[in-house]
C-alpha atoms as a PDB file:
ATOM      1  CA  UNK A   1      47.284 296.786 -63.369  1.00  0.00           C
ATOM      2  CA  UNK A   2      49.992 295.269 -61.168  1.00  0.00           C
ATOM      3  CA  UNK A   3      52.903 297.680 -60.633  1.00  0.00           C
ATOM      4  CA  UNK A   4      56.345 296.590 -61.785  1.00  0.00           C
ATOM      5  CA  UNK A   5      58.591 295.854 -58.798  1.00  0.00           C
ATOM      6  CA  UNK A   6      61.521 298.190 -58.309  1.00  0.00           C
ATOM      7  CA  UNK A   7      64.997 296.962 -59.215  1.00  0.00           C
ATOM      8  CA  UNK A   8      67.727 296.690 -56.564  1.00  0.00           C
ATOM      9  CA  UNK A   9      69.353 299.826 -58.044  1.00  0.00           C
ATOM     10  CA  UNK A  10      66.094 301.772 -57.706  1.00  0.00           C
ATOM     11  CA  UNK A  11      65.626 300.534 -54.130  1.00  0.00           C
ATOM     12  CA  UNK A  12      69.182 301.577 -53.216  1.00  0.00           C
ATOM     13  CA  UNK A  13      68.590 304.975 -54.771  1.00  0.00           C
ATOM     14  CA  UNK A  14      65.461 305.369 -52.605  1.00  0.00           C
ATOM     15  CA  UNK A  15      67.430 304.301 -49.552  1.00  0.00           C
ATOM     16  CA  UNK A  16      70.157 306.799 -50.432  1.00  0.00           C
ATOM     17  CA  UNK A  17      67.532 309.549 -50.450  1.00  0.00           C
ATOM     18  CA  UNK A  18      66.306 308.416 -47.022  1.00  0.00           C
ATOM     19  CA  UNK A  19      69.845 308.387 -45.629  1.00  0.00           C
ATOM     20  CA  UNK A  20      70.648 311.894 -46.834  1.00  0.00           C
ATOM     21  CA  UNK A  21      67.353 313.137 -45.405  1.00  0.00           C
ATOM     22  CA  UNK A  22      67.405 311.402 -42.007  1.00  0.00           C
ATOM     23  CA  UNK A  23      71.103 311.271 -41.096  1.00  0.00           C
ATOM     24  CA  UNK A  24      73.063 314.408 -40.297  1.00  0.00           C
ATOM     25  CA  UNK A  25      76.369 314.701 -42.180  1.00  0.00           C
ATOM     26  CA  UNK A  26      75.633 311.512 -44.143  1.00  0.00           C
ATOM     27  CA  UNK A  27      78.273 310.179 -46.503  1.00  0.00           C
ATOM     28  CA  UNK A  28      78.027 307.290 -48.949  1.00  0.00           C
ATOM     29  CA  UNK A  29      80.608 305.839 -51.330  1.00  0.00           C
ATOM     30  CA  UNK A  30      80.241 307.787 -54.600  1.00  0.00           C
ATOM     31  CA  UNK A  31      79.966 306.448 -58.116  1.00  0.00           C
ATOM     32  CA  UNK A  32      83.220 307.013 -60.007  1.00  0.00           C
ATOM     33  CA  UNK A  33      84.034 305.791 -63.493  1.00  0.00           C
ATOM     34  CA  UNK A  34      83.096 302.070 -63.556  1.00  0.00           C
ATOM     35  CA  UNK A  35      82.618 301.707 -59.779  1.00  0.00           C
ATOM     36  CA  UNK A  36      79.038 301.931 -58.545  1.00  0.00           C
ATOM     37  CA  UNK A  37      79.858 302.759 -54.903  1.00  0.00           C
ATOM     38  CA  UNK A  38      76.823 302.736 -52.602  1.00  0.00           C
ATOM     39  CA  UNK A  39      74.585 302.068 -55.596  1.00  0.00           C
ATOM     40  CA  UNK A  40      76.425 298.835 -56.460  1.00  0.00           C
ATOM     41  CA  UNK A  41      74.091 295.867 -56.726  1.00  0.00           C
ATOM     42  CA  UNK A  42      76.626 293.085 -57.250  1.00  0.00           C
ATOM     43  CA  UNK A  43      76.828 290.121 -54.905  1.00  0.00           C
ATOM     44  CA  UNK A  44      79.866 291.471 -53.061  1.00  0.00           C
ATOM     45  CA  UNK A  45      79.302 293.870 -50.181  1.00  0.00           C
ATOM     46  CA  UNK A  46      82.310 295.702 -48.710  1.00  0.00           C
ATOM     47  CA  UNK A  47      81.559 297.194 -45.297  1.00  0.00           C
ATOM     48  CA  UNK A  48      83.566 299.642 -43.215  1.00  0.00           C
ATOM     49  CA  UNK A  49      82.536 301.023 -39.834  1.00  0.00           C
ATOM     50  CA  UNK A  50      82.319 304.763 -40.381  1.00  0.00           C
ATOM     51  CA  UNK A  51      83.411 307.284 -43.013  1.00  0.00           C
ATOM     52  CA  UNK A  52      86.096 309.752 -42.041  1.00  0.00           C
ATOM     53  CA  UNK A  53      85.553 313.506 -42.214  1.00  0.00           C
ATOM     54  CA  UNK A  54      88.022 313.862 -45.081  1.00  0.00           C
ATOM     55  CA  UNK A  55      87.036 314.433 -48.683  1.00  0.00           C
ATOM     56  CA  UNK A  56      86.892 311.630 -51.250  1.00  0.00           C
ATOM     57  CA  UNK A  57      88.966 313.053 -54.087  1.00  0.00           C
ATOM     58  CA  UNK A  58      89.740 311.165 -57.266  1.00  0.00           C
ATOM     59  CA  UNK A  59      93.375 310.579 -56.377  1.00  0.00           C
ATOM     60  CA  UNK A  60      95.577 308.729 -53.916  1.00  0.00           C
ATOM     61  CA  UNK A  61      94.108 305.784 -52.027  1.00  0.00           C
ATOM     62  CA  UNK A  62      90.578 306.643 -53.140  1.00  0.00           C
ATOM     63  CA  UNK A  63      91.474 306.265 -56.809  1.00  0.00           C
ATOM     64  CA  UNK A  64      93.550 303.143 -56.114  1.00  0.00           C
ATOM     65  CA  UNK A  65      90.651 301.583 -54.191  1.00  0.00           C
ATOM     66  CA  UNK A  66      88.290 302.031 -57.109  1.00  0.00           C
ATOM     67  CA  UNK A  67      90.932 301.084 -59.702  1.00  0.00           C
ATOM     68  CA  UNK A  68      91.712 297.838 -57.862  1.00  0.00           C
ATOM     69  CA  UNK A  69      88.026 296.925 -57.596  1.00  0.00           C
ATOM     70  CA  UNK A  70      87.733 297.442 -61.353  1.00  0.00           C
ATOM     71  CA  UNK A  71      90.946 295.494 -62.022  1.00  0.00           C
ATOM     72  CA  UNK A  72      89.474 292.429 -60.305  1.00  0.00           C
ATOM     73  CA  UNK A  73      86.011 292.704 -61.848  1.00  0.00           C
ATOM     74  CA  UNK A  74      84.163 293.723 -58.714  1.00  0.00           C
ATOM     75  CA  UNK A  75      83.341 297.306 -59.652  1.00  0.00           C
ATOM     76  CA  UNK A  76      79.634 296.635 -59.045  1.00  0.00           C
ATOM     77  CA  UNK A  77      80.259 295.691 -55.397  1.00  0.00           C
ATOM     78  CA  UNK A  78      78.022 297.455 -52.903  1.00  0.00           C
ATOM     79  CA  UNK A  79      80.319 299.739 -50.858  1.00  0.00           C
ATOM     80  CA  UNK A  80      78.994 300.888 -47.510  1.00  0.00           C
ATOM     81  CA  UNK A  81      79.659 301.627 -43.862  1.00  0.00           C
ATOM     82  CA  UNK A  82      77.686 300.579 -40.800  1.00  0.00           C
ATOM     83  CA  UNK A  83      77.549 304.188 -39.624  1.00  0.00           C
ATOM     84  CA  UNK A  84      76.555 306.538 -42.440  1.00  0.00           C
ATOM     85  CA  UNK A  85      77.647 309.808 -40.797  1.00  0.00           C
ATOM     86  CA  UNK A  86      81.217 311.042 -40.801  1.00  0.00           C
ATOM     87  CA  UNK A  87      83.329 310.787 -37.687  1.00  0.00           C
ATOM     88  CA  UNK A  88      86.878 310.889 -36.434  1.00  0.00           C
ATOM     89  CA  UNK A  89      88.818 307.830 -35.278  1.00  0.00           C
ATOM     90  CA  UNK A  90      88.074 307.190 -31.615  1.00  0.00           C
ATOM     91  CA  UNK A  91      84.893 309.283 -31.675  1.00  0.00           C
ATOM     92  CA  UNK A  92      81.900 307.604 -30.042  1.00  0.00           C
ATOM     93  CA  UNK A  93      79.151 306.173 -32.194  1.00  0.00           C
ATOM     94  CA  UNK A  94      76.184 308.397 -32.980  1.00  0.00           C
ATOM     95  CA  UNK A  95      73.193 308.267 -30.637  1.00  0.00           C
ATOM     96  CA  UNK A  96      71.048 306.974 -33.486  1.00  0.00           C
ATOM     97  CA  UNK A  97      73.265 303.914 -34.103  1.00  0.00           C
ATOM     98  CA  UNK A  98      70.163 301.691 -34.238  1.00  0.00           C
ATOM     99  CA  UNK A  99      68.940 303.662 -37.278  1.00  0.00           C
ATOM    100  CA  UNK A 100      72.291 303.167 -39.022  1.00  0.00           C
ATOM    101  CA  UNK A 101      72.158 299.425 -38.338  1.00  0.00           C
ATOM    102  CA  UNK A 102      68.558 299.223 -39.569  1.00  0.00           C
ATOM    103  CA  UNK A 103      69.669 300.850 -42.819  1.00  0.00           C
ATOM    104  CA  UNK A 104      72.542 298.357 -43.199  1.00  0.00           C
ATOM    105  CA  UNK A 105      70.091 295.458 -42.805  1.00  0.00           C
ATOM    106  CA  UNK A 106      67.903 297.031 -45.488  1.00  0.00           C
ATOM    107  CA  UNK A 107      70.921 297.316 -47.811  1.00  0.00           C
ATOM    108  CA  UNK A 108      71.686 293.605 -47.385  1.00  0.00           C
ATOM    109  CA  UNK A 109      68.032 292.771 -47.974  1.00  0.00           C
ATOM    110  CA  UNK A 110      68.069 294.772 -51.218  1.00  0.00           C
ATOM    111  CA  UNK A 111      71.310 293.153 -52.447  1.00  0.00           C
ATOM    112  CA  UNK A 112      69.806 289.762 -51.530  1.00  0.00           C
ATOM    113  CA  UNK A 113      71.531 286.442 -51.076  1.00  0.00           C
ATOM    114  CA  UNK A 114      73.831 285.013 -52.141  1.00  0.00           C
ATOM    115  CA  UNK A 115      76.312 287.706 -51.398  1.00  0.00           C
ATOM    116  CA  UNK A 116      79.822 287.872 -50.069  1.00  0.00           C
ATOM    117  CA  UNK A 117      80.521 290.311 -47.283  1.00  0.00           C
ATOM    118  CA  UNK A 118      84.003 291.659 -46.680  1.00  0.00           C
ATOM    119  CA  UNK A 119      84.465 293.948 -43.672  1.00  0.00           C
ATOM    120  CA  UNK A 120      87.196 296.515 -44.187  1.00  0.00           C
ATOM    121  CA  UNK A 121      89.649 298.318 -41.981  1.00  0.00           C
ATOM    122  CA  UNK A 122      90.535 298.523 -38.321  1.00  0.00           C
ATOM    123  CA  UNK A 123      86.975 297.792 -37.233  1.00  0.00           C
ATOM    124  CA  UNK A 124      86.925 294.327 -38.838  1.00  0.00           C
ATOM    125  CA  UNK A 125      86.093 292.521 -35.589  1.00  0.00           C
ATOM    126  CA  UNK A 126      83.311 294.937 -34.750  1.00  0.00           C
ATOM    127  CA  UNK A 127      81.781 294.831 -38.242  1.00  0.00           C
ATOM    128  CA  UNK A 128      82.092 291.035 -38.437  1.00  0.00           C
ATOM    129  CA  UNK A 129      80.462 290.572 -35.018  1.00  0.00           C
ATOM    130  CA  UNK A 130      77.571 292.837 -35.984  1.00  0.00           C
ATOM    131  CA  UNK A 131      77.038 291.011 -39.284  1.00  0.00           C
ATOM    132  CA  UNK A 132      77.098 287.622 -37.588  1.00  0.00           C
ATOM    133  CA  UNK A 133      74.213 288.691 -35.308  1.00  0.00           C
ATOM    134  CA  UNK A 134      72.118 288.416 -38.488  1.00  0.00           C
ATOM    135  CA  UNK A 135      73.726 285.204 -39.699  1.00  0.00           C
ATOM    136  CA  UNK A 136      75.937 286.969 -42.255  1.00  0.00           C
ATOM    137  CA  UNK A 137      79.382 285.384 -42.252  1.00  0.00           C
ATOM    138  CA  UNK A 138      82.213 287.521 -43.646  1.00  0.00           C
ATOM    139  CA  UNK A 139      84.243 285.733 -46.319  1.00  0.00           C
ATOM    140  CA  UNK A 140      87.219 288.071 -46.511  1.00  0.00           C
ATOM    141  CA  UNK A 141      89.082 290.692 -44.534  1.00  0.00           C
ATOM    142  CA  UNK A 142      90.189 293.820 -46.345  1.00  0.00           C
ATOM    143  CA  UNK A 143      92.676 296.341 -44.985  1.00  0.00           C
ATOM    144  CA  UNK A 144      91.564 299.938 -44.700  1.00  0.00           C
ATOM    145  CA  UNK A 145      91.900 301.315 -48.216  1.00  0.00           C
ATOM    146  CA  UNK A 146      93.291 304.648 -46.949  1.00  0.00           C
ATOM    147  CA  UNK A 147      96.399 302.749 -45.807  1.00  0.00           C
ATOM    148  CA  UNK A 148      97.452 302.674 -49.468  1.00  0.00           C
ATOM    149  CA  UNK A 149      98.555 306.296 -49.012  1.00  0.00           C
ATOM    150  CA  UNK A 150     101.502 304.950 -46.992  1.00  0.00           C
ATOM    151  CA  UNK A 151     103.506 303.238 -49.698  1.00  0.00           C
ATOM    152  CA  UNK A 152     103.744 300.514 -52.302  1.00  0.00           C
ATOM    153  CA  UNK A 153     103.788 297.694 -49.746  1.00  0.00           C
ATOM    154  CA  UNK A 154     100.374 298.815 -48.458  1.00  0.00           C
ATOM    155  CA  UNK A 155      99.065 298.992 -52.027  1.00  0.00           C
ATOM    156  CA  UNK A 156     100.321 295.445 -52.635  1.00  0.00           C
ATOM    157  CA  UNK A 157      98.660 294.212 -49.421  1.00  0.00           C
ATOM    158  CA  UNK A 158      95.331 295.772 -50.364  1.00  0.00           C
ATOM    159  CA  UNK A 159      95.543 294.498 -53.958  1.00  0.00           C
ATOM    160  CA  UNK A 160      96.292 290.967 -52.689  1.00  0.00           C
ATOM    161  CA  UNK A 161      93.294 291.043 -50.318  1.00  0.00           C
ATOM    162  CA  UNK A 162      90.971 292.158 -53.136  1.00  0.00           C
ATOM    163  CA  UNK A 163      92.426 289.465 -55.422  1.00  0.00           C
ATOM    164  CA  UNK A 164      91.634 286.853 -52.759  1.00  0.00           C
ATOM    165  CA  UNK A 165      88.082 288.212 -52.396  1.00  0.00           C
ATOM    166  CA  UNK A 166      87.575 288.106 -56.170  1.00  0.00           C
ATOM    167  CA  UNK A 167      88.921 284.530 -56.321  1.00  0.00           C
ATOM    168  CA  UNK A 168      86.398 283.373 -53.700  1.00  0.00           C
ATOM    169  CA  UNK A 169      83.624 285.184 -55.560  1.00  0.00           C
ATOM    170  CA  UNK A 170      84.593 283.518 -58.841  1.00  0.00           C
ATOM    171  CA  UNK A 171      84.788 280.051 -57.253  1.00  0.00           C
ATOM    172  CA  UNK A 172      81.250 280.584 -55.932  1.00  0.00           C
ATOM    173  CA  UNK A 173      80.138 281.980 -59.302  1.00  0.00           C
ATOM    174  CA  UNK A 174      79.075 285.272 -57.742  1.00  0.00           C
ATOM    175  CA  UNK A 175      81.074 287.095 -60.411  1.00  0.00           C
ATOM    176  CA  UNK A 176      82.258 285.954 -63.869  1.00  0.00           C
END
């Protein structure tokens, strides 16, 4: 009997298990309400550089981030970071950066083309350059979602960037 191939969700779950086993202080975007977080299998991939050491509560910018993704119909986006371990701004990359990058390439392989990649935050140039080494061209630039903690104008800027991303995705028929 030929085994049934695993779904993208099952493959991401397996990869999540590998990450939490092999990477010290690993952190992945959680599932919350309608948003799939790291386990998202939709054709949009949102990539940051590295998670901060702070908690991910269900309020403030974290809640707004997920609410805005849901508002624009991209709650099944795959949310990830290049580096999977927590770190402080300005801290050097982990010694096992190659492992983190290998995992990112596996994530993109699991999501499969066509997909839209949107680097996020202050490390846009660095994330975009890394992605382009594999022929992945970013289609949007998102501000760091934590910036929404600093007022309504930052919320409006983030919401507008997500709206633009969703519009591109709809034009390309990546999302309904």
